[in-house]
Amino acid sequence: MALRFLGIFPNTPTNDSPTIWVEEETGDLIIQSWTADQGTVAEAQRVGSIPGHSTDIPAHESMIRLPAVMRQFLPGPEEAVRQ
């Protein structure tokens, strides 16, 4: 797996820093960020997604909160995988 660094939370201290990478081959985003609090999780579960889809978070998944300022580092589909 080859990761490419995309960005880190501006003016970040040395620890506790939301960070984004892209996996070069697949274009998958790897995101380190703050864990969503219970209020956020509960609201996401209340809103739901598609009819009939569980709102439970499986053990192998997490819900994170990505600060809005970090959106600047999200690549578009054409940028995600370098040819």
Protein backbone atom coordinates (compact mmCIF):
# COMPACT_ATOMS: atom_id res chain seq x y z
CA MET A 1 0.00 0.00 0.00
CA ALA A 2 1.36 3.42 -0.94
CA LEU A 3 -0.13 6.42 0.83
CA ARG A 4 0.25 10.05 -0.24
CA PHE A 5 -0.14 12.78 2.38
CA LEU A 6 -2.82 15.34 1.44
CA GLY A 7 -3.09 17.65 4.42
CA ILE A 8 -3.19 18.27 8.14
CA PHE A 9 -5.36 20.56 10.30
CA PRO A 10 -3.97 24.11 9.91
CA ASN A 11 -1.86 25.46 12.78
CA THR A 12 -1.97 22.07 14.42
CA PRO A 13 -0.10 21.27 17.61
CA THR A 14 2.25 18.29 17.58
CA ASN A 15 -0.52 15.88 18.66
CA ASP A 16 -4.30 15.55 18.20
CA SER A 17 -4.20 16.48 14.53
CA PRO A 18 -6.81 15.56 11.90
CA THR A 19 -4.87 14.33 8.86
CA ILE A 20 -5.80 13.03 5.40
CA TRP A 21 -3.94 10.64 3.07
CA VAL A 22 -4.94 8.98 -0.21
CA GLU A 23 -4.12 5.37 -1.09
CA GLU A 24 -2.41 5.72 -4.46
CA GLU A 25 -3.69 2.56 -6.14
CA THR A 26 -7.35 2.70 -5.14
CA GLY A 27 -7.93 6.40 -4.46
CA ASP A 28 -9.36 5.52 -1.02
CA LEU A 29 -9.09 8.32 1.54
CA ILE A 30 -7.49 7.52 4.89
CA ILE A 31 -8.70 10.01 7.49
CA GLN A 32 -7.52 10.52 11.04
CA SER A 33 -9.86 12.86 12.88
CA TRP A 34 -11.91 13.35 16.01
CA THR A 35 -14.34 10.62 16.97
CA ALA A 36 -17.92 11.84 16.62
CA ASP A 37 -19.56 12.43 20.00
CA GLN A 38 -22.67 10.52 21.06
CA GLY A 39 -24.94 13.43 20.14
CA THR A 40 -23.62 13.42 16.58
CA VAL A 41 -23.95 9.65 16.33
CA ALA A 42 -27.51 9.78 17.69
CA GLU A 43 -28.51 12.51 15.21
CA ALA A 44 -26.98 10.59 12.28
CA GLN A 45 -28.91 7.50 13.40
CA ARG A 46 -32.12 9.54 13.67
CA VAL A 47 -31.66 11.01 10.17
CA GLY A 48 -30.62 7.64 8.70
CA SER A 49 -29.50 7.07 5.13
CA ILE A 50 -31.48 4.84 2.80
CA PRO A 51 -34.73 3.08 3.70
CA GLY A 52 -34.18 -0.23 5.45
CA HIS A 53 -30.46 0.33 6.06
CA SER A 54 -29.30 -0.18 9.65
CA THR A 55 -28.13 2.91 11.51
CA ASP A 56 -25.90 0.85 13.81
CA ILE A 57 -22.15 1.35 13.41
CA PRO A 58 -20.47 -2.02 12.84
CA ALA A 59 -17.47 -2.89 15.01
CA HIS A 60 -15.14 -2.57 12.00
CA GLU A 61 -16.30 1.02 11.21
CA SER A 62 -16.06 4.38 12.99
CA MET A 63 -17.86 7.68 12.76
CA ILE A 64 -15.46 10.62 12.67
CA ARG A 65 -16.01 14.37 12.56
CA LEU A 66 -13.96 16.05 9.84
CA PRO A 67 -13.50 19.78 10.50
CA ALA A 68 -14.81 21.95 7.64
CA VAL A 69 -11.38 23.51 7.11
CA MET A 70 -10.08 20.03 6.17
CA ARG A 71 -12.38 19.86 3.10
CA GLN A 72 -9.74 21.81 1.20
CA PHE A 73 -7.58 18.67 1.20
CA LEU A 74 -10.24 16.31 -0.21
CA PRO A 75 -9.37 15.41 -3.80
CA GLY A 76 -11.97 15.17 -6.54
CA PRO A 77 -12.45 11.73 -8.16
CA GLU A 78 -10.11 12.62 -11.02
CA GLU A 79 -7.34 13.59 -8.58
CA ALA A 80 -7.65 10.68 -6.18
CA VAL A 81 -5.71 8.18 -8.26
CA ARG A 82 -2.63 9.40 -10.02
CA GLN A 83 -1.97 7.77 -13.35
